[in-house]
Protein backbone atom coordinates (compact mmCIF):
# COMPACT_ATOMS: atom_id res chain seq x y z
CA MET A 1 -76.53 35.98 -16.64
CA LEU A 2 -77.72 37.27 -13.81
CA LYS A 3 -79.08 40.11 -14.94
CA VAL A 4 -77.83 42.74 -12.38
CA ASN A 5 -75.47 45.42 -13.39
CA PRO A 6 -71.66 44.49 -12.63
CA LEU A 7 -70.73 46.91 -10.98
CA ASN A 8 -72.23 44.55 -8.20
CA PHE A 9 -69.12 42.13 -7.98
CA HIS A 10 -66.05 45.20 -9.32
CA SER A 11 -65.64 48.40 -9.25
CA PRO A 12 -63.41 49.74 -12.03
CA VAL A 13 -62.16 53.29 -10.77
CA PRO A 14 -62.57 52.43 -6.39
CA GLY A 15 -63.47 55.13 -4.54
CA SER A 16 -65.93 56.97 -7.27
CA ALA A 17 -69.19 58.37 -6.79
CA GLU A 18 -70.67 55.49 -8.01
CA ASP A 19 -69.17 52.97 -5.95
CA VAL A 20 -69.73 54.91 -3.02
CA ILE A 21 -72.98 54.64 -4.15
CA GLN A 22 -72.65 50.91 -3.84
CA THR A 23 -71.18 50.52 -0.80
CA LEU A 24 -74.04 52.48 0.85
CA PHE A 25 -76.24 50.29 -1.01
CA TRP A 26 -74.88 47.14 0.26
CA MET A 27 -74.33 48.79 3.88
CA GLU A 28 -78.43 49.08 3.99
CA GLU A 29 -78.73 45.48 3.12
CA GLU A 30 -76.92 44.62 6.36
CA ILE A 31 -78.10 47.12 8.31
CA PRO A 32 -81.80 48.08 7.42
CA GLY A 33 -82.79 51.10 7.85
CA ALA A 34 -79.10 52.60 8.97
CA ILE A 35 -79.40 55.16 5.93
CA CYS A 36 -81.99 57.52 6.41
CA LEU A 37 -82.37 60.15 3.26
CA THR A 38 -84.37 63.31 3.14
CA GLN A 39 -84.09 66.20 1.23
CA LEU A 40 -82.07 69.26 2.59
CA VAL A 41 -83.08 72.75 2.07
CA GLY A 42 -80.11 75.52 1.76
CA THR A 43 -80.92 79.23 3.33
CA PRO A 44 -78.18 81.60 1.18
CA ASP A 45 -75.51 83.11 3.31
CA GLU A 46 -73.84 85.71 0.77
CA THR A 47 -70.95 85.84 3.93
CA ASN A 48 -70.54 81.95 3.70
CA PRO A 49 -69.40 80.13 0.56
CA PHE A 50 -71.67 77.09 2.62
CA PRO A 51 -74.87 76.63 2.91
CA ASN A 52 -76.58 76.55 5.89
CA ILE A 53 -78.68 73.32 5.89
CA VAL A 54 -81.97 73.13 7.28
CA VAL A 55 -82.96 69.64 8.06
CA GLN A 56 -86.90 69.14 8.42
CA HIS A 57 -87.81 65.83 10.21
CA SER A 58 -90.66 64.40 11.04
CA ASP A 59 -91.85 62.76 14.11
CA SER A 60 -92.98 60.03 12.70
CA ASP A 61 -90.43 59.09 11.34
CA GLU A 62 -87.44 56.93 13.00
CA GLN A 63 -85.36 58.16 15.79
CA ALA A 64 -82.58 56.81 16.95
CA THR A 65 -81.24 56.73 20.17
CA GLU A 66 -78.24 59.15 20.02
CA ALA A 67 -78.09 62.02 17.74
CA THR A 68 -77.66 61.52 14.28
CA THR A 69 -75.10 63.16 11.67
CA GLY A 70 -75.59 64.14 8.41
CA LEU A 71 -73.46 63.96 4.86
CA TYR A 72 -73.51 66.42 2.14
CA PHE A 73 -71.84 66.35 -0.94
CA GLN A 74 -71.01 69.70 -3.20
CA ASP A 75 -70.86 67.41 -6.16
CA SER A 76 -73.83 67.54 -8.64
CA VAL A 77 -73.30 63.70 -10.06
CA MET A 78 -73.41 62.42 -6.41
CA ASN A 79 -75.86 64.95 -5.79
CA ASN A 80 -78.42 63.27 -8.39
CA TYR A 81 -77.79 59.70 -7.52
CA LEU A 82 -78.16 60.46 -4.19
CA ARG A 83 -81.94 62.00 -5.18
CA GLU A 84 -83.17 59.17 -6.96
CA TRP A 85 -81.97 56.90 -4.46
CA LEU A 86 -84.39 59.31 -1.98
CA LEU A 87 -87.32 58.95 -4.78
CA HIS A 88 -86.85 55.02 -4.05
CA GLN A 89 -86.74 54.77 -1.05
CA GLN A 90 -89.57 57.20 -0.23
CA GLU A 91 -91.34 54.97 -2.94
CA LEU A 92 -91.20 52.65 -0.89
CA ARG A 93 -91.66 53.47 2.60
CA ARG A 94 -95.33 54.65 1.15
CA GLY A 95 -95.97 51.15 -0.01
CA GLU A 96 -95.90 52.09 -4.54
CA ILE A 97 -92.61 49.79 -4.51
CA THR A 98 -92.11 46.03 -2.75
CA ARG A 99 -88.75 45.61 -0.64
CA ASP A 100 -88.37 42.91 -3.57
CA GLN A 101 -88.59 46.09 -6.32
CA TYR A 102 -86.37 48.59 -4.09
CA PHE A 103 -83.72 45.25 -4.27
CA GLU A 104 -83.83 45.22 -7.66
CA TRP A 105 -83.73 48.97 -8.33
CA LYS A 106 -80.37 48.52 -6.58
CA LEU A 107 -79.56 46.02 -8.07
CA ASN A 108 -79.34 47.79 -11.58
CA TRP A 109 -78.20 50.69 -10.69
CA PRO A 110 -77.24 52.87 -12.19
CA TYR A 111 -78.56 51.31 -15.51
CA THR A 112 -82.48 51.39 -14.20
């Protein structure tokens, strides 16, 4: 009836990757600009099982007055979801899609 993904109202698997992304989507709606996705670049270090992560931040990006904290997942499903979200955030920032189109994408995710 609403033409939106039912995951917006009920999560069949609480704590799943889909549930986490939905929670972050709604957080972004409640606090616009709070979640800023960026592409991370790993640098190989054969002595460390975890990659060294390099984050590049443009001076033109909005910066918080406090130091920011990064989070990344070593899970291909979660990374694919976040990468898709990043692409839509970038489209919104560049004016390629409207705020309404961005919101519509989130309402129907992951079935878009």
